[in-house]
Amino acid sequence: MTEIKIETEFIKLDALLKFANLVSSGGEAKLRIAGGEVLVNGETCTMRGKKMRPGDSAVIDGETALVVE
């Protein structure tokens, strides 16, 4: 599990995946999110711009990124 500390109110899902090194590029994040490969808080999410706030988690290929303050 990768914990991502943010100092803003939220981080967008595609940016979170890239920042946590769960994808290699923003383009890969876009395709994988659109393809339904990403779970946000346990549910499939296809919204690339989903606002991730502290306490939210994203899972792709069994790897987890957790947003913390």
N, C-alpha and C. Protein backbone atom coordinates (compact mmCIF):
# COMPACT_ATOMS: atom_id res chain seq x y z
N MET A 1 0.85 -1.18 0.00
CA MET A 1 0.00 0.00 0.00
C MET A 1 0.89 1.24 0.00
N THR A 2 0.54 2.17 -0.85
CA THR A 2 1.25 3.44 -0.94
C THR A 2 0.38 4.52 -0.33
N GLU A 3 0.90 5.23 0.64
CA GLU A 3 0.16 6.33 1.25
C GLU A 3 0.60 7.63 0.59
N ILE A 4 -0.36 8.40 0.12
CA ILE A 4 -0.09 9.67 -0.54
C ILE A 4 -0.59 10.79 0.35
N LYS A 5 0.33 11.61 0.81
CA LYS A 5 -0.05 12.77 1.63
C LYS A 5 -0.36 13.94 0.72
N ILE A 6 -1.50 14.57 0.95
CA ILE A 6 -1.85 15.75 0.17
C ILE A 6 -2.05 16.93 1.11
N GLU A 7 -1.79 18.11 0.59
CA GLU A 7 -1.97 19.32 1.38
C GLU A 7 -3.11 20.16 0.84
N THR A 8 -3.78 19.64 -0.18
CA THR A 8 -4.93 20.31 -0.76
C THR A 8 -6.18 19.56 -0.33
N GLU A 9 -7.33 20.05 -0.74
CA GLU A 9 -8.59 19.41 -0.36
C GLU A 9 -8.75 18.03 -1.02
N PHE A 10 -8.24 17.88 -2.25
CA PHE A 10 -8.40 16.62 -2.99
C PHE A 10 -7.30 16.49 -4.04
N ILE A 11 -7.20 15.27 -4.61
CA ILE A 11 -6.35 14.99 -5.76
C ILE A 11 -7.21 14.18 -6.72
N LYS A 12 -7.08 14.44 -8.02
CA LYS A 12 -7.87 13.71 -9.00
C LYS A 12 -7.33 12.30 -9.14
N LEU A 13 -8.22 11.37 -9.44
CA LEU A 13 -7.88 9.95 -9.50
C LEU A 13 -6.72 9.68 -10.46
N ASP A 14 -6.76 10.23 -11.66
CA ASP A 14 -5.69 9.95 -12.62
C ASP A 14 -4.34 10.46 -12.11
N ALA A 15 -4.33 11.62 -11.46
CA ALA A 15 -3.10 12.17 -10.90
C ALA A 15 -2.61 11.31 -9.73
N LEU A 16 -3.53 10.80 -8.94
CA LEU A 16 -3.16 9.95 -7.81
C LEU A 16 -2.46 8.69 -8.30
N LEU A 17 -3.01 8.03 -9.31
CA LEU A 17 -2.41 6.81 -9.82
C LEU A 17 -1.01 7.07 -10.37
N LYS A 18 -0.85 8.18 -11.05
CA LYS A 18 0.46 8.52 -11.61
C LYS A 18 1.44 8.88 -10.49
N PHE A 19 1.01 9.69 -9.55
CA PHE A 19 1.86 10.12 -8.44
C PHE A 19 2.30 8.93 -7.59
N ALA A 20 1.43 7.94 -7.42
CA ALA A 20 1.74 6.75 -6.61
C ALA A 20 2.52 5.70 -7.40
N ASN A 21 2.85 6.01 -8.66
CA ASN A 21 3.58 5.09 -9.54
C ASN A 21 2.83 3.78 -9.78
N LEU A 22 1.50 3.85 -9.80
CA LEU A 22 0.70 2.67 -10.11
C LEU A 22 0.48 2.55 -11.61
N VAL A 23 0.71 3.63 -12.34
CA VAL A 23 0.70 3.65 -13.80
C VAL A 23 1.93 4.44 -14.25
N SER A 24 2.34 4.23 -15.50
CA SER A 24 3.56 4.90 -15.96
C SER A 24 3.30 6.26 -16.59
N SER A 25 2.04 6.54 -16.97
CA SER A 25 1.74 7.82 -17.61
C SER A 25 0.29 8.20 -17.39
N GLY A 26 -0.01 9.46 -17.67
CA GLY A 26 -1.40 9.91 -17.58
C GLY A 26 -2.28 9.22 -18.60
N GLY A 27 -1.71 8.92 -19.77
CA GLY A 27 -2.46 8.21 -20.82
C GLY A 27 -2.84 6.81 -20.38
N GLU A 28 -1.92 6.13 -19.72
CA GLU A 28 -2.21 4.79 -19.21
C GLU A 28 -3.29 4.87 -18.14
N ALA A 29 -3.21 5.87 -17.27
CA ALA A 29 -4.23 6.05 -16.24
C ALA A 29 -5.60 6.24 -16.87
N LYS A 30 -5.67 7.09 -17.88
CA LYS A 30 -6.94 7.37 -18.58
C LYS A 30 -7.54 6.08 -19.15
N LEU A 31 -6.72 5.29 -19.83
CA LEU A 31 -7.22 4.06 -20.45
C LEU A 31 -7.66 3.03 -19.41
N ARG A 32 -6.89 2.88 -18.37
CA ARG A 32 -7.22 1.88 -17.37
C ARG A 32 -8.44 2.27 -16.54
N ILE A 33 -8.59 3.56 -16.26
CA ILE A 33 -9.78 4.03 -15.55
C ILE A 33 -11.00 3.83 -16.44
N ALA A 34 -10.92 4.25 -17.70
CA ALA A 34 -12.04 4.11 -18.64
C ALA A 34 -12.41 2.64 -18.86
N GLY A 35 -11.41 1.76 -18.75
CA GLY A 35 -11.64 0.33 -18.94
C GLY A 35 -12.21 -0.37 -17.72
N GLY A 36 -12.45 0.37 -16.64
CA GLY A 36 -13.04 -0.21 -15.44
C GLY A 36 -12.07 -1.03 -14.61
N GLU A 37 -10.77 -0.77 -14.76
CA GLU A 37 -9.76 -1.54 -14.03
C GLU A 37 -9.43 -0.98 -12.65
N VAL A 38 -10.04 0.15 -12.29
CA VAL A 38 -9.69 0.81 -11.03
C VAL A 38 -10.87 0.76 -10.06
N LEU A 39 -10.57 0.38 -8.82
CA LEU A 39 -11.57 0.40 -7.77
C LEU A 39 -11.29 1.59 -6.87
N VAL A 40 -12.32 2.35 -6.57
CA VAL A 40 -12.21 3.46 -5.63
C VAL A 40 -13.11 3.13 -4.45
N ASN A 41 -12.50 3.03 -3.28
CA ASN A 41 -13.24 2.65 -2.07
C ASN A 41 -14.06 1.38 -2.28
N GLY A 42 -13.47 0.42 -3.02
CA GLY A 42 -14.09 -0.88 -3.22
C GLY A 42 -15.06 -0.99 -4.38
N GLU A 43 -15.30 0.09 -5.12
CA GLU A 43 -16.23 0.07 -6.24
C GLU A 43 -15.55 0.51 -7.52
N THR A 44 -15.93 -0.11 -8.64
CA THR A 44 -15.37 0.27 -9.93
C THR A 44 -15.67 1.73 -10.23
N CYS A 45 -14.65 2.45 -10.69
CA CYS A 45 -14.81 3.87 -11.01
C CYS A 45 -14.27 4.12 -12.41
N THR A 46 -15.06 4.78 -13.25
CA THR A 46 -14.62 5.11 -14.61
C THR A 46 -14.49 6.62 -14.80
N MET A 47 -14.49 7.37 -13.71
CA MET A 47 -14.37 8.83 -13.78
C MET A 47 -12.91 9.23 -13.53
N ARG A 48 -12.23 9.65 -14.57
CA ARG A 48 -10.82 10.02 -14.48
C ARG A 48 -10.60 11.19 -13.52
N GLY A 49 -11.53 12.12 -13.49
CA GLY A 49 -11.38 13.30 -12.65
C GLY A 49 -11.99 13.15 -11.28
N LYS A 50 -12.29 11.93 -10.86
CA LYS A 50 -12.88 11.69 -9.52
C LYS A 50 -12.01 12.34 -8.46
N LYS A 51 -12.63 13.11 -7.59
CA LYS A 51 -11.90 13.80 -6.53
C LYS A 51 -11.65 12.83 -5.38
N MET A 52 -10.38 12.59 -5.11
CA MET A 52 -9.97 11.69 -4.04
C MET A 52 -9.59 12.53 -2.83
N ARG A 53 -10.24 12.27 -1.73
CA ARG A 53 -10.01 13.03 -0.51
C ARG A 53 -9.37 12.13 0.55
N PRO A 54 -8.81 12.73 1.61
CA PRO A 54 -8.22 11.90 2.67
C PRO A 54 -9.17 10.80 3.14
N GLY A 55 -8.63 9.59 3.24
CA GLY A 55 -9.43 8.43 3.63
C GLY A 55 -9.87 7.58 2.46
N ASP A 56 -9.81 8.14 1.24
CA ASP A 56 -10.18 7.39 0.03
C ASP A 56 -9.03 6.49 -0.39
N SER A 57 -9.37 5.40 -1.08
CA SER A 57 -8.33 4.52 -1.60
C SER A 57 -8.66 4.13 -3.04
N ALA A 58 -7.60 3.87 -3.80
CA ALA A 58 -7.74 3.41 -5.18
C ALA A 58 -6.92 2.14 -5.32
N VAL A 59 -7.47 1.14 -6.02
CA VAL A 59 -6.78 -0.13 -6.20
C VAL A 59 -6.72 -0.44 -7.69
N ILE A 60 -5.53 -0.82 -8.17
CA ILE A 60 -5.35 -1.24 -9.55
C ILE A 60 -4.32 -2.37 -9.53
N ASP A 61 -4.64 -3.49 -10.17
CA ASP A 61 -3.74 -4.66 -10.20
C ASP A 61 -3.32 -5.11 -8.81
N GLY A 62 -4.20 -5.00 -7.84
CA GLY A 62 -3.90 -5.44 -6.49
C GLY A 62 -3.03 -4.48 -5.69
N GLU A 63 -2.61 -3.38 -6.32
CA GLU A 63 -1.81 -2.36 -5.63
C GLU A 63 -2.75 -1.27 -5.14
N THR A 64 -2.55 -0.78 -3.94
CA THR A 64 -3.43 0.21 -3.34
C THR A 64 -2.71 1.52 -3.10
N ALA A 65 -3.41 2.62 -3.40
CA ALA A 65 -2.94 3.96 -3.05
C ALA A 65 -3.97 4.54 -2.09
N LEU A 66 -3.52 4.97 -0.94
CA LEU A 66 -4.40 5.53 0.08
C LEU A 66 -4.08 7.00 0.25
N VAL A 67 -5.11 7.83 0.20
CA VAL A 67 -4.93 9.28 0.36
C VAL A 67 -5.02 9.62 1.84
N VAL A 68 -3.98 10.31 2.32
CA VAL A 68 -3.97 10.75 3.71
C VAL A 68 -3.63 12.23 3.76
N GLU A 69 -3.95 12.88 4.86
CA GLU A 69 -3.61 14.29 5.03
C GLU A 69 -2.17 14.46 5.41
